[in-house]
Amino acid sequence: MEIVYLVLAMIVVGLLIGWIAGFIWKDRSPSDARRDYIVSVIAAVATGLLDWFVVPAMGFSEGLRNIATAVEPAGMALILLWIIRRAKQ
């Protein structure tokens, strides 16, 4: 049941980052906004799951796993959105 909560939390984080990205980069077209939401949700869920399973396998503590799972997905989603915007130009 813990993994379900993790995935739901990462979906919410991805949606928030997709919403915030519209304010950061001032894109107003619906296709860009839809792309932001989709990319940020996928990036947040993938990064969150990787952190949840890989950090303990590397020998780090549960506290570090929780911190990495809370912070890194949002950062990775923003970085991925920035890379997509740079590639688009």
PDB file of N, CA and C in Angstrom:
ATOM      1  N   MET A   1       0.816  -1.193   0.000  1.00  0.00           N
ATOM      2  CA  MET A   1       0.000   0.000   0.000  1.00  0.00           C
ATOM      3  C   MET A   1       0.860   1.257   0.000  1.00  0.00           C
ATOM      4  N   GLU A   2       2.065   1.113   0.543  1.00  0.00           N
ATOM      5  CA  GLU A   2       2.984   2.241   0.613  1.00  0.00           C
ATOM      6  C   GLU A   2       3.359   2.741  -0.780  1.00  0.00           C
ATOM      7  N   ILE A   3       3.528   1.826  -1.720  1.00  0.00           N
ATOM      8  CA  ILE A   3       3.924   2.204  -3.078  1.00  0.00           C
ATOM      9  C   ILE A   3       2.809   2.956  -3.793  1.00  0.00           C
ATOM     10  N   VAL A   4       1.562   2.632  -3.481  1.00  0.00           N
ATOM     11  CA  VAL A   4       0.428   3.333  -4.093  1.00  0.00           C
ATOM     12  C   VAL A   4       0.433   4.791  -3.661  1.00  0.00           C
ATOM     13  N   TYR A   5       0.683   5.022  -2.370  1.00  0.00           N
ATOM     14  CA  TYR A   5       0.751   6.398  -1.879  1.00  0.00           C
ATOM     15  C   TYR A   5       1.913   7.153  -2.505  1.00  0.00           C
ATOM     16  N   LEU A   6       3.026   6.454  -2.695  1.00  0.00           N
ATOM     17  CA  LEU A   6       4.185   7.077  -3.326  1.00  0.00           C
ATOM     18  C   LEU A   6       3.865   7.514  -4.747  1.00  0.00           C
ATOM     19  N   VAL A   7       3.263   6.626  -5.523  1.00  0.00           N
ATOM     20  CA  VAL A   7       2.927   6.963  -6.912  1.00  0.00           C
ATOM     21  C   VAL A   7       1.907   8.102  -6.961  1.00  0.00           C
ATOM     22  N   LEU A   8       0.905   8.067  -6.099  1.00  0.00           N
ATOM     23  CA  LEU A   8      -0.073   9.161  -6.070  1.00  0.00           C
ATOM     24  C   LEU A   8       0.587  10.480  -5.695  1.00  0.00           C
ATOM     25  N   ALA A   9       1.498  10.455  -4.738  1.00  0.00           N
ATOM     26  CA  ALA A   9       2.204  11.683  -4.351  1.00  0.00           C
ATOM     27  C   ALA A   9       3.060  12.206  -5.496  1.00  0.00           C
ATOM     28  N   MET A  10       3.709  11.315  -6.221  1.00  0.00           N
ATOM     29  CA  MET A  10       4.550  11.746  -7.338  1.00  0.00           C
ATOM     30  C   MET A  10       3.700  12.293  -8.492  1.00  0.00           C
ATOM     31  N   ILE A  11       2.505  11.756  -8.690  1.00  0.00           N
ATOM     32  CA  ILE A  11       1.604  12.303  -9.705  1.00  0.00           C
ATOM     33  C   ILE A  11       1.207  13.731  -9.327  1.00  0.00           C
ATOM     34  N   VAL A  12       0.908  13.941  -8.049  1.00  0.00           N
ATOM     35  CA  VAL A  12       0.561  15.289  -7.589  1.00  0.00           C
ATOM     36  C   VAL A  12       1.748  16.234  -7.750  1.00  0.00           C
ATOM     37  N   VAL A  13       2.948  15.771  -7.410  1.00  0.00           N
ATOM     38  CA  VAL A  13       4.149  16.587  -7.582  1.00  0.00           C
ATOM     39  C   VAL A  13       4.349  16.927  -9.059  1.00  0.00           C
ATOM     40  N   GLY A  14       4.171  15.958  -9.931  1.00  0.00           N
ATOM     41  CA  GLY A  14       4.317  16.205 -11.370  1.00  0.00           C
ATOM     42  C   GLY A  14       3.306  17.210 -11.882  1.00  0.00           C
ATOM     43  N   LEU A  15       2.075  17.115 -11.424  1.00  0.00           N
ATOM     44  CA  LEU A  15       1.053  18.087 -11.845  1.00  0.00           C
ATOM     45  C   LEU A  15       1.386  19.484 -11.343  1.00  0.00           C
ATOM     46  N   LEU A  16       1.868  19.580 -10.116  1.00  0.00           N
ATOM     47  CA  LEU A  16       2.259  20.888  -9.588  1.00  0.00           C
ATOM     48  C   LEU A  16       3.431  21.479 -10.367  1.00  0.00           C
ATOM     49  N   ILE A  17       4.409  20.664 -10.693  1.00  0.00           N
ATOM     50  CA  ILE A  17       5.557  21.154 -11.456  1.00  0.00           C
ATOM     51  C   ILE A  17       5.125  21.560 -12.861  1.00  0.00           C
ATOM     52  N   GLY A  18       4.223  20.807 -13.478  1.00  0.00           N
ATOM     53  CA  GLY A  18       3.703  21.196 -14.794  1.00  0.00           C
ATOM     54  C   GLY A  18       2.982  22.527 -14.741  1.00  0.00           C
ATOM     55  N   TRP A  19       2.260  22.765 -13.667  1.00  0.00           N
ATOM     56  CA  TRP A  19       1.551  24.037 -13.492  1.00  0.00           C
ATOM     57  C   TRP A  19       2.542  25.183 -13.249  1.00  0.00           C
ATOM     58  N   ILE A  20       3.536  24.927 -12.417  1.00  0.00           N
ATOM     59  CA  ILE A  20       4.539  25.946 -12.121  1.00  0.00           C
ATOM     60  C   ILE A  20       5.380  26.269 -13.352  1.00  0.00           C
ATOM     61  N   ALA A  21       5.631  25.288 -14.203  1.00  0.00           N
ATOM     62  CA  ALA A  21       6.434  25.510 -15.405  1.00  0.00           C
ATOM     63  C   ALA A  21       5.783  26.534 -16.319  1.00  0.00           C
ATOM     64  N   GLY A  22       4.460  26.591 -16.343  1.00  0.00           N
ATOM     65  CA  GLY A  22       3.780  27.605 -17.142  1.00  0.00           C
ATOM     66  C   GLY A  22       4.081  29.014 -16.677  1.00  0.00           C
ATOM     67  N   PHE A  23       4.289  29.177 -15.387  1.00  0.00           N
ATOM     68  CA  PHE A  23       4.639  30.491 -14.854  1.00  0.00           C
ATOM     69  C   PHE A  23       6.117  30.817 -15.080  1.00  0.00           C
ATOM     70  N   ILE A  24       6.954  29.805 -15.032  1.00  0.00           N
ATOM     71  CA  ILE A  24       8.390  30.028 -15.199  1.00  0.00           C
ATOM     72  C   ILE A  24       8.715  30.412 -16.633  1.00  0.00           C
ATOM     73  N   TRP A  25       8.158  29.675 -17.603  1.00  0.00           N
ATOM     74  CA  TRP A  25       8.529  29.883 -18.996  1.00  0.00           C
ATOM     75  C   TRP A  25       7.482  30.624 -19.808  1.00  0.00           C
ATOM     76  N   LYS A  26       6.397  30.994 -19.239  1.00  0.00           N
ATOM     77  CA  LYS A  26       5.362  31.825 -19.871  1.00  0.00           C
ATOM     78  C   LYS A  26       4.830  31.275 -21.193  1.00  0.00           C
ATOM     79  N   ASP A  27       4.659  29.969 -21.273  1.00  0.00           N
ATOM     80  CA  ASP A  27       4.038  29.375 -22.458  1.00  0.00           C
ATOM     81  C   ASP A  27       2.532  29.406 -22.284  1.00  0.00           C
ATOM     82  N   ARG A  28       1.825  29.816 -23.306  1.00  0.00           N
ATOM     83  CA  ARG A  28       0.379  29.946 -23.196  1.00  0.00           C
ATOM     84  C   ARG A  28      -0.394  29.011 -24.124  1.00  0.00           C
ATOM     85  N   SER A  29       0.287  28.311 -25.016  1.00  0.00           N
ATOM     86  CA  SER A  29      -0.450  27.443 -25.929  1.00  0.00           C
ATOM     87  C   SER A  29      -0.871  26.162 -25.198  1.00  0.00           C
ATOM     88  N   PRO A  30      -2.071  25.667 -25.495  1.00  0.00           N
ATOM     89  CA  PRO A  30      -2.563  24.460 -24.809  1.00  0.00           C
ATOM     90  C   PRO A  30      -1.700  23.230 -25.033  1.00  0.00           C
ATOM     91  N   SER A  31      -1.094  23.106 -26.197  1.00  0.00           N
ATOM     92  CA  SER A  31      -0.267  21.925 -26.452  1.00  0.00           C
ATOM     93  C   SER A  31       0.986  21.943 -25.583  1.00  0.00           C
ATOM     94  N   ASP A  32       1.557  23.116 -25.356  1.00  0.00           N
ATOM     95  CA  ASP A  32       2.723  23.199 -24.477  1.00  0.00           C
ATOM     96  C   ASP A  32       2.349  22.883 -23.036  1.00  0.00           C
ATOM     97  N   ALA A  33       1.204  23.369 -22.591  1.00  0.00           N
ATOM     98  CA  ALA A  33       0.765  23.098 -21.220  1.00  0.00           C
ATOM     99  C   ALA A  33       0.485  21.608 -21.035  1.00  0.00           C
ATOM    100  N   ARG A  34      -0.153  20.990 -22.002  1.00  0.00           N
ATOM    101  CA  ARG A  34      -0.440  19.555 -21.924  1.00  0.00           C
ATOM    102  C   ARG A  34       0.859  18.762 -21.893  1.00  0.00           C
ATOM    103  N   ARG A  35       1.809  19.155 -22.723  1.00  0.00           N
ATOM    104  CA  ARG A  35       3.106  18.487 -22.751  1.00  0.00           C
ATOM    105  C   ARG A  35       3.818  18.641 -21.408  1.00  0.00           C
ATOM    106  N   ASP A  36       3.740  19.840 -20.817  1.00  0.00           N
ATOM    107  CA  ASP A  36       4.370  20.071 -19.517  1.00  0.00           C
ATOM    108  C   ASP A  36       3.814  19.129 -18.463  1.00  0.00           C
ATOM    109  N   TYR A  37       2.507  18.991 -18.423  1.00  0.00           N
ATOM    110  CA  TYR A  37       1.886  18.112 -17.434  1.00  0.00           C
ATOM    111  C   TYR A  37       2.287  16.656 -17.650  1.00  0.00           C
ATOM    112  N   ILE A  38       2.244  16.196 -18.884  1.00  0.00           N
ATOM    113  CA  ILE A  38       2.561  14.795 -19.171  1.00  0.00           C
ATOM    114  C   ILE A  38       4.023  14.490 -18.855  1.00  0.00           C
ATOM    115  N   VAL A  39       4.919  15.338 -19.322  1.00  0.00           N
ATOM    116  CA  VAL A  39       6.351  15.108 -19.107  1.00  0.00           C
ATOM    117  C   VAL A  39       6.700  15.187 -17.628  1.00  0.00           C
ATOM    118  N   SER A  40       6.148  16.170 -16.931  1.00  0.00           N
ATOM    119  CA  SER A  40       6.503  16.313 -15.520  1.00  0.00           C
ATOM    120  C   SER A  40       5.943  15.176 -14.670  1.00  0.00           C
ATOM    121  N   VAL A  41       4.757  14.669 -14.980  1.00  0.00           N
ATOM    122  CA  VAL A  41       4.219  13.532 -14.224  1.00  0.00           C
ATOM    123  C   VAL A  41       5.058  12.286 -14.467  1.00  0.00           C
ATOM    124  N   ILE A  42       5.405  12.017 -15.716  1.00  0.00           N
ATOM    125  CA  ILE A  42       6.224  10.839 -16.025  1.00  0.00           C
ATOM    126  C   ILE A  42       7.597  10.948 -15.363  1.00  0.00           C
ATOM    127  N   ALA A  43       8.207  12.129 -15.438  1.00  0.00           N
ATOM    128  CA  ALA A  43       9.532  12.319 -14.835  1.00  0.00           C
ATOM    129  C   ALA A  43       9.474  12.186 -13.316  1.00  0.00           C
ATOM    130  N   ALA A  44       8.452  12.747 -12.704  1.00  0.00           N
ATOM    131  CA  ALA A  44       8.344  12.682 -11.242  1.00  0.00           C
ATOM    132  C   ALA A  44       8.100  11.248 -10.763  1.00  0.00           C
ATOM    133  N   VAL A  45       7.219  10.533 -11.433  1.00  0.00           N
ATOM    134  CA  VAL A  45       6.935   9.153 -11.020  1.00  0.00           C
ATOM    135  C   VAL A  45       8.166   8.267 -11.226  1.00  0.00           C
ATOM    136  N   ALA A  46       8.828   8.395 -12.361  1.00  0.00           N
ATOM    137  CA  ALA A  46      10.011   7.565 -12.628  1.00  0.00           C
ATOM    138  C   ALA A  46      11.130   7.866 -11.635  1.00  0.00           C
ATOM    139  N   THR A  47      11.387   9.141 -11.383  1.00  0.00           N
ATOM    140  CA  THR A  47      12.447   9.512 -10.453  1.00  0.00           C
ATOM    141  C   THR A  47      12.100   9.102  -9.026  1.00  0.00           C
ATOM    142  N   GLY A  48      10.843   9.275  -8.632  1.00  0.00           N
ATOM    143  CA  GLY A  48      10.425   8.880  -7.290  1.00  0.00           C
ATOM    144  C   GLY A  48      10.571   7.388  -7.059  1.00  0.00           C
ATOM    145  N   LEU A  49      10.171   6.594  -8.041  1.00  0.00           N
ATOM    146  CA  LEU A  49      10.299   5.138  -7.900  1.00  0.00           C
ATOM    147  C   LEU A  49      11.763   4.707  -7.885  1.00  0.00           C
ATOM    148  N   LEU A  50      12.574   5.333  -8.736  1.00  0.00           N
ATOM    149  CA  LEU A  50      14.001   5.006  -8.720  1.00  0.00           C
ATOM    150  C   LEU A  50      14.625   5.334  -7.368  1.00  0.00           C
ATOM    151  N   ASP A  51      14.299   6.498  -6.838  1.00  0.00           N
ATOM    152  CA  ASP A  51      14.834   6.870  -5.526  1.00  0.00           C
ATOM    153  C   ASP A  51      14.359   5.908  -4.448  1.00  0.00           C
ATOM    154  N   TRP A  52      13.115   5.513  -4.515  1.00  0.00           N
ATOM    155  CA  TRP A  52      12.539   4.646  -3.476  1.00  0.00           C
ATOM    156  C   TRP A  52      13.230   3.286  -3.430  1.00  0.00           C
ATOM    157  N   PHE A  53      13.599   2.764  -4.603  1.00  0.00           N
ATOM    158  CA  PHE A  53      14.173   1.424  -4.638  1.00  0.00           C
ATOM    159  C   PHE A  53      15.700   1.411  -4.733  1.00  0.00           C
ATOM    160  N   VAL A  54      16.301   2.383  -5.398  1.00  0.00           N
ATOM    161  CA  VAL A  54      17.742   2.344  -5.638  1.00  0.00           C
ATOM    162  C   VAL A  54      18.537   2.889  -4.455  1.00  0.00           C
ATOM    163  N   VAL A  55      18.056   3.940  -3.804  1.00  0.00           N
ATOM    164  CA  VAL A  55      18.817   4.541  -2.698  1.00  0.00           C
ATOM    165  C   VAL A  55      19.079   3.532  -1.579  1.00  0.00           C
ATOM    166  N   PRO A  56      18.080   2.750  -1.120  1.00  0.00           N
ATOM    167  CA  PRO A  56      18.398   1.745  -0.090  1.00  0.00           C
ATOM    168  C   PRO A  56      19.301   0.625  -0.615  1.00  0.00           C
ATOM    169  N   ALA A  57      19.181   0.289  -1.887  1.00  0.00           N
ATOM    170  CA  ALA A  57      20.018  -0.762  -2.456  1.00  0.00           C
ATOM    171  C   ALA A  57      21.484  -0.339  -2.510  1.00  0.00           C
ATOM    172  N   MET A  58      21.727   0.968  -2.538  1.00  0.00           N
ATOM    173  CA  MET A  58      23.096   1.483  -2.541  1.00  0.00           C
ATOM    174  C   MET A  58      23.668   1.568  -1.131  1.00  0.00           C
ATOM    175  N   GLY A  59      22.851   1.257  -0.124  1.00  0.00           N
ATOM    176  CA  GLY A  59      23.342   1.220   1.238  1.00  0.00           C
ATOM    177  C   GLY A  59      23.063   2.466   2.059  1.00  0.00           C
ATOM    178  N   PHE A  60      22.298   3.395   1.517  1.00  0.00           N
ATOM    179  CA  PHE A  60      21.981   4.603   2.261  1.00  0.00           C
ATOM    180  C   PHE A  60      20.808   4.361   3.203  1.00  0.00           C
ATOM    181  N   SER A  61      20.629   5.257   4.138  1.00  0.00           N
ATOM    182  CA  SER A  61      19.612   5.075   5.175  1.00  0.00           C
ATOM    183  C   SER A  61      18.207   5.362   4.645  1.00  0.00           C
ATOM    184  N   GLU A  62      17.219   4.989   5.448  1.00  0.00           N
ATOM    185  CA  GLU A  62      15.825   5.235   5.086  1.00  0.00           C
ATOM    186  C   GLU A  62      15.510   6.732   5.112  1.00  0.00           C
ATOM    187  N   GLY A  63      16.163   7.469   5.983  1.00  0.00           N
ATOM    188  CA  GLY A  63      15.960   8.924   6.038  1.00  0.00           C
ATOM    189  C   GLY A  63      16.414   9.604   4.751  1.00  0.00           C
ATOM    190  N   LEU A  64      17.561   9.184   4.234  1.00  0.00           N
ATOM    191  CA  LEU A  64      18.042   9.747   2.971  1.00  0.00           C
ATOM    192  C   LEU A  64      17.128   9.350   1.828  1.00  0.00           C
ATOM    193  N   ARG A  65      16.590   8.136   1.884  1.00  0.00           N
ATOM    194  CA  ARG A  65      15.642   7.699   0.851  1.00  0.00           C
ATOM    195  C   ARG A  65      14.415   8.599   0.851  1.00  0.00           C
ATOM    196  N   ASN A  66      13.908   8.914   2.023  1.00  0.00           N
ATOM    197  CA  ASN A  66      12.724   9.768   2.109  1.00  0.00           C
ATOM    198  C   ASN A  66      13.014  11.182   1.626  1.00  0.00           C
ATOM    199  N   ILE A  67      14.175  11.713   1.965  1.00  0.00           N
ATOM    200  CA  ILE A  67      14.537  13.056   1.501  1.00  0.00           C
ATOM    201  C   ILE A  67      14.700  13.070  -0.010  1.00  0.00           C
ATOM    202  N   ALA A  68      15.395  12.076  -0.557  1.00  0.00           N
ATOM    203  CA  ALA A  68      15.596  12.016  -2.002  1.00  0.00           C
ATOM    204  C   ALA A  68      14.273  11.848  -2.735  1.00  0.00           C
ATOM    205  N   THR A  69      13.376  11.052  -2.193  1.00  0.00           N
ATOM    206  CA  THR A  69      12.078  10.829  -2.828  1.00  0.00           C
ATOM    207  C   THR A  69      11.209  12.077  -2.763  1.00  0.00           C
ATOM    208  N   ALA A  70      11.422  12.917  -1.771  1.00  0.00           N
ATOM    209  CA  ALA A  70      10.616  14.127  -1.641  1.00  0.00           C
ATOM    210  C   ALA A  70      11.130  15.276  -2.502  1.00  0.00           C
ATOM    211  N   VAL A  71      12.432  15.372  -2.698  1.00  0.00           N
ATOM    212  CA  VAL A  71      13.017  16.544  -3.350  1.00  0.00           C
ATOM    213  C   VAL A  71      13.373  16.298  -4.814  1.00  0.00           C
ATOM    214  N   GLU A  72      13.980  15.186  -5.100  1.00  0.00           N
ATOM    215  CA  GLU A  72      14.551  14.960  -6.426  1.00  0.00           C
ATOM    216  C   GLU A  72      13.529  14.883  -7.564  1.00  0.00           C
ATOM    217  N   PRO A  73      12.346  14.282  -7.410  1.00  0.00           N
ATOM    218  CA  PRO A  73      11.417  14.227  -8.540  1.00  0.00           C
ATOM    219  C   PRO A  73      11.010  15.606  -9.076  1.00  0.00           C
ATOM    220  N   ALA A  74      10.817  16.566  -8.192  1.00  0.00           N
ATOM    221  CA  ALA A  74      10.454  17.908  -8.647  1.00  0.00           C
ATOM    222  C   ALA A  74      11.605  18.543  -9.432  1.00  0.00           C
ATOM    223  N   GLY A  75      12.802  18.383  -8.929  1.00  0.00           N
ATOM    224  CA  GLY A  75      13.964  18.929  -9.634  1.00  0.00           C
ATOM    225  C   GLY A  75      14.186  18.280 -10.980  1.00  0.00           C
ATOM    226  N   MET A  76      14.043  16.966 -11.039  1.00  0.00           N
ATOM    227  CA  MET A  76      14.236  16.273 -12.316  1.00  0.00           C
ATOM    228  C   MET A  76      13.171  16.654 -13.334  1.00  0.00           C
ATOM    229  N   ALA A  77      11.943  16.844 -12.878  1.00  0.00           N
ATOM    230  CA  ALA A  77      10.878  17.256 -13.794  1.00  0.00           C
ATOM    231  C   ALA A  77      11.175  18.635 -14.365  1.00  0.00           C
ATOM    232  N   LEU A  78      11.623  19.562 -13.541  1.00  0.00           N
ATOM    233  CA  LEU A  78      11.971  20.895 -14.034  1.00  0.00           C
ATOM    234  C   LEU A  78      13.150  20.850 -14.998  1.00  0.00           C
ATOM    235  N   ILE A  79      14.158  20.054 -14.680  1.00  0.00           N
ATOM    236  CA  ILE A  79      15.318  19.936 -15.567  1.00  0.00           C
ATOM    237  C   ILE A  79      14.911  19.338 -16.903  1.00  0.00           C
ATOM    238  N   LEU A  80      14.070  18.327 -16.884  1.00  0.00           N
ATOM    239  CA  LEU A  80      13.624  17.698 -18.124  1.00  0.00           C
ATOM    240  C   LEU A  80      12.798  18.669 -18.967  1.00  0.00           C
ATOM    241  N   LEU A  81      11.931  19.453 -18.335  1.00  0.00           N
ATOM    242  CA  LEU A  81      11.159  20.457 -19.073  1.00  0.00           C
ATOM    243  C   LEU A  81      12.075  21.516 -19.678  1.00  0.00           C
ATOM    244  N   TRP A  82      13.118  21.903 -18.953  1.00  0.00           N
ATOM    245  CA  TRP A  82      14.062  22.873 -19.470  1.00  0.00           C
ATOM    246  C   TRP A  82      14.813  22.312 -20.681  1.00  0.00           C
ATOM    247  N   ILE A  83      15.227  21.045 -20.601  1.00  0.00           N
ATOM    248  CA  ILE A  83      15.929  20.406 -21.717  1.00  0.00           C
ATOM    249  C   ILE A  83      15.025  20.336 -22.941  1.00  0.00           C
ATOM    250  N   ILE A  84      13.767  19.996 -22.750  1.00  0.00           N
ATOM    251  CA  ILE A  84      12.832  19.918 -23.876  1.00  0.00           C
ATOM    252  C   ILE A  84      12.665  21.288 -24.523  1.00  0.00           C
ATOM    253  N   ARG A  85      12.576  22.336 -23.714  1.00  0.00           N
ATOM    254  CA  ARG A  85      12.425  23.677 -24.266  1.00  0.00           C
ATOM    255  C   ARG A  85      13.686  24.103 -25.034  1.00  0.00           C
ATOM    256  N   ARG A  86      14.855  23.756 -24.528  1.00  0.00           N
ATOM    257  CA  ARG A  86      16.099  24.077 -25.225  1.00  0.00           C
ATOM    258  C   ARG A  86      16.191  23.314 -26.542  1.00  0.00           C
ATOM    259  N   ALA A  87      15.795  22.066 -26.546  1.00  0.00           N
ATOM    260  CA  ALA A  87      15.852  21.265 -27.768  1.00  0.00           C
ATOM    261  C   ALA A  87      14.847  21.780 -28.794  1.00  0.00           C
ATOM    262  N   LYS A  88      13.727  22.310 -28.321  1.00  0.00           N
ATOM    263  CA  LYS A  88      12.697  22.824 -29.218  1.00  0.00           C
ATOM    264  C   LYS A  88      13.164  24.077 -29.960  1.00  0.00           C
ATOM    265  N   GLN A  89      14.012  24.852 -29.287  1.00  0.00           N
ATOM    266  CA  GLN A  89      14.537  26.077 -29.930  1.00  0.00           C
ATOM    267  C   GLN A  89      15.564  25.676 -30.928  1.00  0.00           C
TER     268      GLN A  89
END
